Amino acid sequence: MTMATMMTTTRTTPSMTTHLTMARCQRRSATATTTTTTTTTEPSSKRFLSSSRLHLHRRRRRRQRSGSSSASASADDANNNNSNNNSPFAPKGSPEDILRVSRQTSFEGLKAARRVALDEAKYPPETIHKAFEDIVENSVRFFKTKAEENPSDADAQFALGNVYQTLEMPEKAIEQYEKTLTCSNKTHLDASNNIAMLLQERGEIDKAEAYYLNALTHHPESVDVMFNWASLKVQCRADLEGARVLINRIVTLEPKLKKHPLVKELAGDDIDDEPDEPFVPPI
């Protein structure tokens, strides 16, 4: 089984190819997922950052680069798995065989496959649900084992955090992201960003801003983090001036984003992409 990333990320490591894809985290930003380099695209809505591909979801529900996958897209994903993979190497009656999923199936695809299996009714509903649960449990076990075997490996801790975030277990996700920061001497960009967004979601705005600041302290040109923080400034603080400071910095780094709808939504037409003063985070 392979777990993948639930969300889009700017920096990713090679996919883990032994577990079902498990989710990445969402975030609002302008960076596209790549495996070796960072590229820039248009920002969409909030998203979480992920550095490791966990096949099973791409939480980046908020970012999910522009939102969650549609039901039809997920159904297509499941149908493609059914027609193209048909679990050729899965033992008869195994969870993968029952749901007809491949090692690269995303979490949304896995859920869609469960819906398809229920509709086809080739197996009893309890068998289908158990197959789904077994695949998820095995994937969690895989990443948990990796994290336990490599307690000082930031990527291993971060990957497990993404799994928990995919499964909507924010407390455990934050705990793993904190371990990631400990392993990386507080420099892990994605962990700081994801903690900030989780804290923001539950209304801990002061703490969230502290993590955004930490992220920019170590990665001062992270457009993703600046978009997320600017969104917080507008939505949670009604701090339009603070948001403009961040947006001005974003368009200075990426001038082509100046006319993007999200930029205009956050900063209006008052954008200065050639500021006279050095950039100072708006705390």
C-alpha atoms as a PDB file:
ATOM      1  CA  MET A   1       0.000   0.000   0.000  1.00  0.00           C
ATOM      2  CA  THR A   2       1.215   3.465  -0.643  1.00  0.00           C
ATOM      3  CA  MET A   3       0.142   6.595   1.066  1.00  0.00           C
ATOM      4  CA  ALA A   4       0.637   9.779  -0.811  1.00  0.00           C
ATOM      5  CA  THR A   5       0.311  13.414  -0.218  1.00  0.00           C
ATOM      6  CA  MET A   6      -2.864  14.964   0.573  1.00  0.00           C
ATOM      7  CA  MET A   7      -2.031  18.330  -0.455  1.00  0.00           C
ATOM      8  CA  THR A   8       0.093  20.188  -2.818  1.00  0.00           C
ATOM      9  CA  THR A   9       3.491  21.164  -1.741  1.00  0.00           C
ATOM     10  CA  THR A  10       6.338  23.244  -2.896  1.00  0.00           C
ATOM     11  CA  ARG A  11       9.024  20.802  -1.956  1.00  0.00           C
ATOM     12  CA  THR A  12       8.401  17.114  -1.949  1.00  0.00           C
ATOM     13  CA  THR A  13      10.485  14.068  -1.440  1.00  0.00           C
ATOM     14  CA  PRO A  14      10.065  10.927  -3.522  1.00  0.00           C
ATOM     15  CA  SER A  15       6.785   9.121  -2.906  1.00  0.00           C
ATOM     16  CA  MET A  16       6.787   6.301  -0.462  1.00  0.00           C
ATOM     17  CA  THR A  17       5.813   3.406  -2.655  1.00  0.00           C
ATOM     18  CA  THR A  18       4.836   0.872  -0.061  1.00  0.00           C
ATOM     19  CA  HIS A  19       1.676   2.398   1.270  1.00  0.00           C
ATOM     20  CA  LEU A  20      -1.522   3.860   0.033  1.00  0.00           C
ATOM     21  CA  THR A  21      -1.382   7.558  -0.620  1.00  0.00           C
ATOM     22  CA  MET A  22      -2.366   9.384   2.404  1.00  0.00           C
ATOM     23  CA  ALA A  23      -2.939  13.101   2.287  1.00  0.00           C
ATOM     24  CA  ARG A  24      -1.026  16.187   2.194  1.00  0.00           C
ATOM     25  CA  CYS A  25      -2.002  19.311   3.887  1.00  0.00           C
ATOM     26  CA  GLN A  26      -3.655  22.347   2.440  1.00  0.00           C
ATOM     27  CA  ARG A  27      -2.613  25.905   2.434  1.00  0.00           C
ATOM     28  CA  ARG A  28      -3.332  29.108   0.642  1.00  0.00           C
ATOM     29  CA  SER A  29      -0.517  29.850  -1.690  1.00  0.00           C
ATOM     30  CA  ALA A  30       0.991  30.170  -5.068  1.00  0.00           C
ATOM     31  CA  THR A  31       3.417  27.306  -5.307  1.00  0.00           C
ATOM     32  CA  ALA A  32       2.957  24.126  -7.244  1.00  0.00           C
ATOM     33  CA  THR A  33       4.028  20.686  -6.096  1.00  0.00           C
ATOM     34  CA  THR A  34       7.197  19.370  -7.561  1.00  0.00           C
ATOM     35  CA  THR A  35       9.550  16.615  -6.606  1.00  0.00           C
ATOM     36  CA  THR A  36      12.852  18.373  -6.887  1.00  0.00           C
ATOM     37  CA  THR A  37      12.359  22.071  -7.430  1.00  0.00           C
ATOM     38  CA  THR A  38      10.034  24.839  -6.393  1.00  0.00           C
ATOM     39  CA  THR A  39       7.894  26.360  -9.075  1.00  0.00           C
ATOM     40  CA  THR A  40       5.350  29.122  -8.856  1.00  0.00           C
ATOM     41  CA  THR A  41       1.808  29.116 -10.097  1.00  0.00           C
ATOM     42  CA  GLU A  42      -1.251  31.111  -9.240  1.00  0.00           C
ATOM     43  CA  PRO A  43      -2.447  31.077  -5.651  1.00  0.00           C
ATOM     44  CA  SER A  44      -5.758  29.474  -4.859  1.00  0.00           C
ATOM     45  CA  SER A  45      -7.108  29.039  -1.378  1.00  0.00           C
ATOM     46  CA  LYS A  46      -5.481  28.114   1.916  1.00  0.00           C
ATOM     47  CA  ARG A  47      -3.411  25.024   1.806  1.00  0.00           C
ATOM     48  CA  PHE A  48      -1.015  23.116   3.936  1.00  0.00           C
ATOM     49  CA  LEU A  49       2.544  22.383   3.005  1.00  0.00           C
ATOM     50  CA  SER A  50       3.895  18.894   2.773  1.00  0.00           C
ATOM     51  CA  SER A  51       7.324  17.635   2.033  1.00  0.00           C
ATOM     52  CA  SER A  52       6.669  13.947   1.792  1.00  0.00           C
ATOM     53  CA  ARG A  53       4.161  12.241  -0.437  1.00  0.00           C
ATOM     54  CA  LEU A  54       1.773  10.142   1.578  1.00  0.00           C
ATOM     55  CA  HIS A  55      -0.587   8.489  -0.783  1.00  0.00           C
ATOM     56  CA  LEU A  56      -4.053   8.561   0.666  1.00  0.00           C
ATOM     57  CA  HIS A  57      -5.382  12.054   0.513  1.00  0.00           C
ATOM     58  CA  ARG A  58      -4.102  15.459   0.054  1.00  0.00           C
ATOM     59  CA  ARG A  59      -5.666  17.199   2.787  1.00  0.00           C
ATOM     60  CA  ARG A  60      -4.682  20.345   1.543  1.00  0.00           C
ATOM     61  CA  ARG A  61      -8.547  20.457   1.733  1.00  0.00           C
ATOM     62  CA  ARG A  62      -8.292  24.132   2.153  1.00  0.00           C
ATOM     63  CA  ARG A  63      -5.600  24.500  -0.341  1.00  0.00           C
ATOM     64  CA  GLN A  64      -6.187  21.291  -2.029  1.00  0.00           C
ATOM     65  CA  ARG A  65      -4.932  23.659  -4.353  1.00  0.00           C
ATOM     66  CA  SER A  66      -8.298  24.962  -5.104  1.00  0.00           C
ATOM     67  CA  GLY A  67     -10.581  22.902  -3.042  1.00  0.00           C
ATOM     68  CA  SER A  68     -11.573  19.314  -2.497  1.00  0.00           C
ATOM     69  CA  SER A  69     -11.803  16.992  -5.438  1.00  0.00           C
ATOM     70  CA  SER A  70     -15.284  16.773  -6.841  1.00  0.00           C
ATOM     71  CA  ALA A  71     -17.313  13.657  -6.326  1.00  0.00           C
ATOM     72  CA  SER A  72     -17.202  12.985 -10.041  1.00  0.00           C
ATOM     73  CA  ALA A  73     -13.419  13.347 -10.125  1.00  0.00           C
ATOM     74  CA  SER A  74     -13.087  10.957  -7.210  1.00  0.00           C
ATOM     75  CA  ALA A  75     -15.432   8.529  -8.911  1.00  0.00           C
ATOM     76  CA  ASP A  76     -13.343   8.745 -12.065  1.00  0.00           C
ATOM     77  CA  ASP A  77     -10.251   8.065  -9.965  1.00  0.00           C
ATOM     78  CA  ALA A  78     -11.899   4.986  -8.502  1.00  0.00           C
ATOM     79  CA  ASN A  79     -13.153   3.793 -11.864  1.00  0.00           C
ATOM     80  CA  ASN A  80      -9.719   4.250 -13.380  1.00  0.00           C
ATOM     81  CA  ASN A  81      -8.270   2.143 -10.590  1.00  0.00           C
ATOM     82  CA  ASN A  82     -10.917  -0.472 -11.218  1.00  0.00           C
ATOM     83  CA  SER A  83     -10.391  -0.666 -14.962  1.00  0.00           C
ATOM     84  CA  ASN A  84      -6.652  -0.131 -15.184  1.00  0.00           C
ATOM     85  CA  ASN A  85      -5.268  -1.776 -12.063  1.00  0.00           C
ATOM     86  CA  ASN A  86      -7.817  -4.317 -10.905  1.00  0.00           C
ATOM     87  CA  SER A  87      -5.314  -5.205  -8.190  1.00  0.00           C
ATOM     88  CA  PRO A  88      -3.293  -7.589 -10.398  1.00  0.00           C
ATOM     89  CA  PHE A  89      -0.843  -8.324  -7.575  1.00  0.00           C
ATOM     90  CA  ALA A  90      -3.270  -8.216  -4.658  1.00  0.00           C
ATOM     91  CA  PRO A  91      -4.208 -11.581  -3.164  1.00  0.00           C
ATOM     92  CA  LYS A  92      -7.776 -12.615  -3.805  1.00  0.00           C
ATOM     93  CA  GLY A  93     -10.017 -11.299  -1.063  1.00  0.00           C
ATOM     94  CA  SER A  94      -7.409  -8.826   0.265  1.00  0.00           C
ATOM     95  CA  PRO A  95      -8.534  -5.282   1.107  1.00  0.00           C
ATOM     96  CA  GLU A  96      -6.900  -3.997  -2.086  1.00  0.00           C
ATOM     97  CA  ASP A  97      -8.636  -6.652  -4.138  1.00  0.00           C
ATOM     98  CA  ILE A  98     -12.012  -5.937  -2.572  1.00  0.00           C
ATOM     99  CA  LEU A  99     -11.769  -2.202  -3.281  1.00  0.00           C
ATOM    100  CA  ARG A 100      -9.718  -2.685  -6.466  1.00  0.00           C
ATOM    101  CA  VAL A 101      -7.217   0.018  -5.608  1.00  0.00           C
ATOM    102  CA  SER A 102      -3.577   0.401  -6.533  1.00  0.00           C
ATOM    103  CA  ARG A 103      -0.590   1.418  -4.469  1.00  0.00           C
ATOM    104  CA  GLN A 104      -0.810   4.952  -5.807  1.00  0.00           C
ATOM    105  CA  THR A 105      -4.488   5.491  -4.989  1.00  0.00           C
ATOM    106  CA  SER A 106      -5.122   8.783  -3.237  1.00  0.00           C
ATOM    107  CA  PHE A 107      -7.167   8.971  -0.062  1.00  0.00           C
ATOM    108  CA  GLU A 108     -10.006  10.600  -1.973  1.00  0.00           C
ATOM    109  CA  GLY A 109      -9.689   7.844  -4.560  1.00  0.00           C
ATOM    110  CA  LEU A 110      -9.823   5.237  -1.823  1.00  0.00           C
ATOM    111  CA  LYS A 111     -13.037   6.702  -0.480  1.00  0.00           C
ATOM    112  CA  ALA A 112     -14.451   6.816  -3.990  1.00  0.00           C
ATOM    113  CA  ALA A 113     -13.480   3.187  -4.498  1.00  0.00           C
ATOM    114  CA  ARG A 114     -15.389   2.307  -1.360  1.00  0.00           C
ATOM    115  CA  ARG A 115     -18.474   4.066  -2.719  1.00  0.00           C
ATOM    116  CA  VAL A 116     -18.152   2.207  -6.020  1.00  0.00           C
ATOM    117  CA  ALA A 117     -17.757  -1.112  -4.228  1.00  0.00           C
ATOM    118  CA  LEU A 118     -20.852  -0.418  -2.141  1.00  0.00           C
ATOM    119  CA  ASP A 119     -22.819   0.445  -5.276  1.00  0.00           C
ATOM    120  CA  GLU A 120     -21.654  -2.705  -7.078  1.00  0.00           C
ATOM    121  CA  ALA A 121     -22.527  -4.806  -4.023  1.00  0.00           C
ATOM    122  CA  LYS A 122     -20.189  -7.657  -4.957  1.00  0.00           C
ATOM    123  CA  TYR A 123     -19.244  -7.917  -1.271  1.00  0.00           C
ATOM    124  CA  PRO A 124     -21.283  -7.304   1.891  1.00  0.00           C
ATOM    125  CA  PRO A 125     -21.115  -3.689   3.141  1.00  0.00           C
ATOM    126  CA  GLU A 126     -19.316  -4.749   6.326  1.00  0.00           C
ATOM    127  CA  THR A 127     -16.615  -6.437   4.246  1.00  0.00           C
ATOM    128  CA  ILE A 128     -16.119  -3.312   2.152  1.00  0.00           C
ATOM    129  CA  HIS A 129     -15.910  -1.024   5.168  1.00  0.00           C
ATOM    130  CA  LYS A 130     -13.471  -3.334   6.884  1.00  0.00           C
ATOM    131  CA  ALA A 131     -11.281  -3.416   3.768  1.00  0.00           C
ATOM    132  CA  PHE A 132     -11.209   0.384   3.767  1.00  0.00           C
ATOM    133  CA  GLU A 133     -10.337   0.525   7.460  1.00  0.00           C
ATOM    134  CA  ASP A 134      -7.626  -2.110   7.091  1.00  0.00           C
ATOM    135  CA  ILE A 135      -5.921  -0.173   4.293  1.00  0.00           C
ATOM    136  CA  VAL A 136      -5.971   3.036   6.312  1.00  0.00           C
ATOM    137  CA  GLU A 137      -4.741   1.301   9.472  1.00  0.00           C
ATOM    138  CA  ASN A 138      -1.916  -0.395   7.620  1.00  0.00           C
ATOM    139  CA  SER A 139      -0.875   2.902   6.080  1.00  0.00           C
ATOM    140  CA  VAL A 140      -0.873   4.650   9.457  1.00  0.00           C
ATOM    141  CA  ARG A 141       1.121   1.774  10.916  1.00  0.00           C
ATOM    142  CA  PHE A 142       3.681   2.055   8.128  1.00  0.00           C
ATOM    143  CA  PHE A 143       4.353   5.762   8.702  1.00  0.00           C
ATOM    144  CA  LYS A 144       4.184   5.435  12.469  1.00  0.00           C
ATOM    145  CA  THR A 145       6.816   2.716  12.355  1.00  0.00           C
ATOM    146  CA  LYS A 146       9.033   4.884  10.154  1.00  0.00           C
ATOM    147  CA  ALA A 147       8.721   7.763  12.622  1.00  0.00           C
ATOM    148  CA  GLU A 148       9.458   5.545  15.623  1.00  0.00           C
ATOM    149  CA  GLU A 149      12.454   3.940  13.943  1.00  0.00           C
ATOM    150  CA  ASN A 150      13.846   7.344  12.945  1.00  0.00           C
ATOM    151  CA  PRO A 151      13.073   9.659  15.888  1.00  0.00           C
ATOM    152  CA  SER A 152      15.528  12.322  14.721  1.00  0.00           C
ATOM    153  CA  ASP A 153      14.424  12.262  11.082  1.00  0.00           C
ATOM    154  CA  ALA A 154      12.344  15.377  10.402  1.00  0.00           C
ATOM    155  CA  ASP A 155      10.878  13.981   7.188  1.00  0.00           C
ATOM    156  CA  ALA A 156       9.662  10.818   8.913  1.00  0.00           C
ATOM    157  CA  GLN A 157       7.987  12.839  11.675  1.00  0.00           C
ATOM    158  CA  PHE A 158       6.480  15.217   9.141  1.00  0.00           C
ATOM    159  CA  ALA A 159       5.097  12.378   7.012  1.00  0.00           C
ATOM    160  CA  LEU A 160       3.256  10.933  10.010  1.00  0.00           C
ATOM    161  CA  GLY A 161       1.927  14.385  10.814  1.00  0.00           C
ATOM    162  CA  ASN A 162       0.489  14.590   7.315  1.00  0.00           C
ATOM    163  CA  VAL A 163      -1.216  11.234   7.772  1.00  0.00           C
ATOM    164  CA  TYR A 164      -2.872  12.411  10.976  1.00  0.00           C
ATOM    165  CA  GLN A 165      -3.890  15.637   9.321  1.00  0.00           C
ATOM    166  CA  THR A 166      -5.402  13.705   6.434  1.00  0.00           C
ATOM    167  CA  LEU A 167      -7.445  11.694   8.887  1.00  0.00           C
ATOM    168  CA  GLU A 168      -8.555  14.919  10.585  1.00  0.00           C
ATOM    169  CA  MET A 169      -6.698  14.269  13.820  1.00  0.00           C
ATOM    170  CA  PRO A 170      -5.315  17.784  14.398  1.00  0.00           C
ATOM    171  CA  GLU A 171      -3.909  17.223  17.887  1.00  0.00           C
ATOM    172  CA  LYS A 172      -1.784  14.304  16.760  1.00  0.00           C
ATOM    173  CA  ALA A 173      -0.832  16.174  13.600  1.00  0.00           C
ATOM    174  CA  ILE A 174       0.405  19.165  15.593  1.00  0.00           C
ATOM    175  CA  GLU A 175       2.349  16.857  17.916  1.00  0.00           C
ATOM    176  CA  GLN A 176       4.147  15.317  14.954  1.00  0.00           C
ATOM    177  CA  TYR A 177       4.808  18.682  13.327  1.00  0.00           C
ATOM    178  CA  GLU A 178       6.296  19.876  16.623  1.00  0.00           C
ATOM    179  CA  LYS A 179       8.589  16.836  16.592  1.00  0.00           C
ATOM    180  CA  THR A 180       9.518  17.795  13.037  1.00  0.00           C
ATOM    181  CA  LEU A 181      10.538  21.258  14.196  1.00  0.00           C
ATOM    182  CA  THR A 182      12.546  19.792  17.049  1.00  0.00           C
ATOM    183  CA  CYS A 183      14.417  17.552  14.609  1.00  0.00           C
ATOM    184  CA  SER A 184      15.095  20.458  12.252  1.00  0.00           C
ATOM    185  CA  ASN A 185      16.083  23.062  14.843  1.00  0.00           C
ATOM    186  CA  LYS A 186      12.824  24.946  14.170  1.00  0.00           C
ATOM    187  CA  THR A 187      13.688  25.466  10.497  1.00  0.00           C
ATOM    188  CA  HIS A 188      11.186  23.114   8.815  1.00  0.00           C
ATOM    189  CA  LEU A 189       9.039  25.404   6.671  1.00  0.00           C
ATOM    190  CA  ASP A 190       6.139  23.050   6.044  1.00  0.00           C
ATOM    191  CA  ALA A 191       5.793  22.016   9.678  1.00  0.00           C
ATOM    192  CA  SER A 192       5.655  25.642  10.846  1.00  0.00           C
ATOM    193  CA  ASN A 193       3.118  26.508   8.164  1.00  0.00           C
ATOM    194  CA  ASN A 194       0.885  23.525   8.888  1.00  0.00           C
ATOM    195  CA  ILE A 195       0.892  24.111  12.639  1.00  0.00           C
ATOM    196  CA  ALA A 196      -0.001  27.749  12.015  1.00  0.00           C
ATOM    197  CA  MET A 197      -2.957  26.783   9.864  1.00  0.00           C
ATOM    198  CA  LEU A 198      -4.219  24.180  12.314  1.00  0.00           C
ATOM    199  CA  LEU A 199      -3.992  26.708  15.145  1.00  0.00           C
ATOM    200  CA  GLN A 200      -5.723  29.281  12.974  1.00  0.00           C
ATOM    201  CA  GLU A 201      -8.556  26.836  12.288  1.00  0.00           C
ATOM    202  CA  ARG A 202      -9.238  26.458  15.983  1.00  0.00           C
ATOM    203  CA  GLY A 203      -8.991  30.159  16.724  1.00  0.00           C
ATOM    204  CA  GLU A 204      -5.557  30.333  18.372  1.00  0.00           C
ATOM    205  CA  ILE A 205      -4.570  33.327  16.296  1.00  0.00           C
ATOM    206  CA  ASP A 206      -1.655  34.645  18.367  1.00  0.00           C
ATOM    207  CA  LYS A 207       0.034  31.246  18.334  1.00  0.00           C
ATOM    208  CA  ALA A 208      -0.676  30.816  14.643  1.00  0.00           C
ATOM    209  CA  GLU A 209       1.037  34.105  13.841  1.00  0.00           C
ATOM    210  CA  ALA A 210       4.050  33.061  15.881  1.00  0.00           C
ATOM    211  CA  TYR A 211       4.472  29.997  13.678  1.00  0.00           C
ATOM    212  CA  TYR A 212       4.031  32.003  10.475  1.00  0.00           C
ATOM    213  CA  LEU A 213       6.707  34.360  11.755  1.00  0.00           C
ATOM    214  CA  ASN A 214       9.002  31.430  12.531  1.00  0.00           C
ATOM    215  CA  ALA A 215       8.491  30.097   9.009  1.00  0.00           C
ATOM    216  CA  LEU A 216       9.377  33.428   7.410  1.00  0.00           C
ATOM    217  CA  THR A 217      12.317  33.947   9.746  1.00  0.00           C
ATOM    218  CA  HIS A 218      13.981  30.872   8.283  1.00  0.00           C
ATOM    219  CA  HIS A 219      12.423  31.101   4.802  1.00  0.00           C
ATOM    220  CA  PRO A 220      11.881  34.814   4.083  1.00  0.00           C
ATOM    221  CA  GLU A 221      10.830  34.259   0.471  1.00  0.00           C
ATOM    222  CA  SER A 222       8.074  31.700   1.071  1.00  0.00           C
ATOM    223  CA  VAL A 223       5.161  33.048  -0.928  1.00  0.00           C
ATOM    224  CA  ASP A 224       2.908  30.269   0.369  1.00  0.00           C
ATOM    225  CA  VAL A 225       3.367  31.258   3.988  1.00  0.00           C
ATOM    226  CA  MET A 226       2.874  34.935   3.160  1.00  0.00           C
ATOM    227  CA  PHE A 227      -0.431  34.198   1.460  1.00  0.00           C
ATOM    228  CA  ASN A 228      -1.594  32.152   4.432  1.00  0.00           C
ATOM    229  CA  TRP A 229      -0.564  34.850   6.877  1.00  0.00           C
ATOM    230  CA  ALA A 230      -2.150  37.607   4.804  1.00  0.00           C
ATOM    231  CA  SER A 231      -5.383  35.616   4.794  1.00  0.00           C
ATOM    232  CA  LEU A 232      -5.242  35.383   8.581  1.00  0.00           C
ATOM    233  CA  LYS A 233      -4.648  39.128   8.821  1.00  0.00           C
ATOM    234  CA  VAL A 234      -7.790  39.827   6.803  1.00  0.00           C
ATOM    235  CA  GLN A 235     -10.086  37.108   8.105  1.00  0.00           C
ATOM    236  CA  CYS A 236      -9.117  36.971  11.777  1.00  0.00           C
ATOM    237  CA  ARG A 237      -7.635  40.373  12.558  1.00  0.00           C
ATOM    238  CA  ALA A 238      -9.330  42.663  10.051  1.00  0.00           C
ATOM    239  CA  ASP A 239      -5.787  43.964   9.688  1.00  0.00           C
ATOM    240  CA  LEU A 240      -5.789  45.199   6.114  1.00  0.00           C
ATOM    241  CA  GLU A 241      -2.548  47.111   6.528  1.00  0.00           C
ATOM    242  CA  GLY A 242      -0.720  44.026   7.775  1.00  0.00           C
ATOM    243  CA  ALA A 243      -2.118  42.020   4.873  1.00  0.00           C
ATOM    244  CA  ARG A 244      -0.941  44.648   2.381  1.00  0.00           C
ATOM    245  CA  VAL A 245       2.585  44.488   3.776  1.00  0.00           C
ATOM    246  CA  LEU A 246       2.637  40.766   3.059  1.00  0.00           C
ATOM    247  CA  ILE A 247       0.965  41.101  -0.338  1.00  0.00           C
ATOM    248  CA  ASN A 248       3.391  43.823  -1.388  1.00  0.00           C
ATOM    249  CA  ARG A 249       6.225  41.481  -0.529  1.00  0.00           C
ATOM    250  CA  ILE A 250       4.598  38.666  -2.495  1.00  0.00           C
ATOM    251  CA  VAL A 251       4.243  40.711  -5.678  1.00  0.00           C
ATOM    252  CA  THR A 252       7.794  41.986  -5.247  1.00  0.00           C
ATOM    253  CA  LEU A 253       8.974  38.385  -5.312  1.00  0.00           C
ATOM    254  CA  GLU A 254       6.457  37.255  -7.935  1.00  0.00           C
ATOM    255  CA  PRO A 255       5.324  40.258 -10.022  1.00  0.00           C
ATOM    256  CA  LYS A 256       3.034  38.150 -12.209  1.00  0.00           C
ATOM    257  CA  LEU A 257       0.795  37.550  -9.175  1.00  0.00           C
ATOM    258  CA  LYS A 258      -0.063  41.248  -8.921  1.00  0.00           C
ATOM    259  CA  LYS A 259      -3.293  40.891 -10.865  1.00  0.00           C
ATOM    260  CA  HIS A 260      -4.349  37.592  -9.399  1.00  0.00           C
ATOM    261  CA  PRO A 261      -7.868  37.648  -7.859  1.00  0.00           C
ATOM    262  CA  LEU A 262      -6.645  36.436  -4.468  1.00  0.00           C
ATOM    263  CA  VAL A 263      -4.084  39.220  -4.304  1.00  0.00           C
ATOM    264  CA  LYS A 264      -6.748  41.789  -5.121  1.00  0.00           C
ATOM    265  CA  GLU A 265      -9.111  40.218  -2.613  1.00  0.00           C
ATOM    266  CA  LEU A 266      -6.566  40.538   0.174  1.00  0.00           C
ATOM    267  CA  ALA A 267      -5.014  43.882  -0.718  1.00  0.00           C
ATOM    268  CA  GLY A 268      -7.357  45.621  -3.132  1.00  0.00           C
ATOM    269  CA  ASP A 269      -5.655  47.890  -5.634  1.00  0.00           C
ATOM    270  CA  ASP A 270      -3.271  49.306  -3.059  1.00  0.00           C
ATOM    271  CA  ILE A 271      -0.284  47.175  -4.034  1.00  0.00           C
ATOM    272  CA  ASP A 272       3.304  48.350  -4.004  1.00  0.00           C
ATOM    273  CA  ASP A 273       5.672  45.948  -5.700  1.00  0.00           C
ATOM    274  CA  GLU A 274       8.601  48.351  -5.390  1.00  0.00           C
ATOM    275  CA  PRO A 275       8.623  49.286  -1.687  1.00  0.00           C
ATOM    276  CA  ASP A 276      11.098  51.864  -0.450  1.00  0.00           C
ATOM    277  CA  GLU A 277      11.575  50.178   2.917  1.00  0.00           C
ATOM    278  CA  PRO A 278      12.958  46.680   3.587  1.00  0.00           C
ATOM    279  CA  PHE A 279      10.392  44.013   4.300  1.00  0.00           C
ATOM    280  CA  VAL A 280       9.501  43.603   7.973  1.00  0.00           C
ATOM    281  CA  PRO A 281       6.929  40.945   8.982  1.00  0.00           C
ATOM    282  CA  PRO A 282       3.759  42.696  10.215  1.00  0.00           C
ATOM    283  CA  ILE A 283       3.684  41.678  13.888  1.00  0.00           C
END
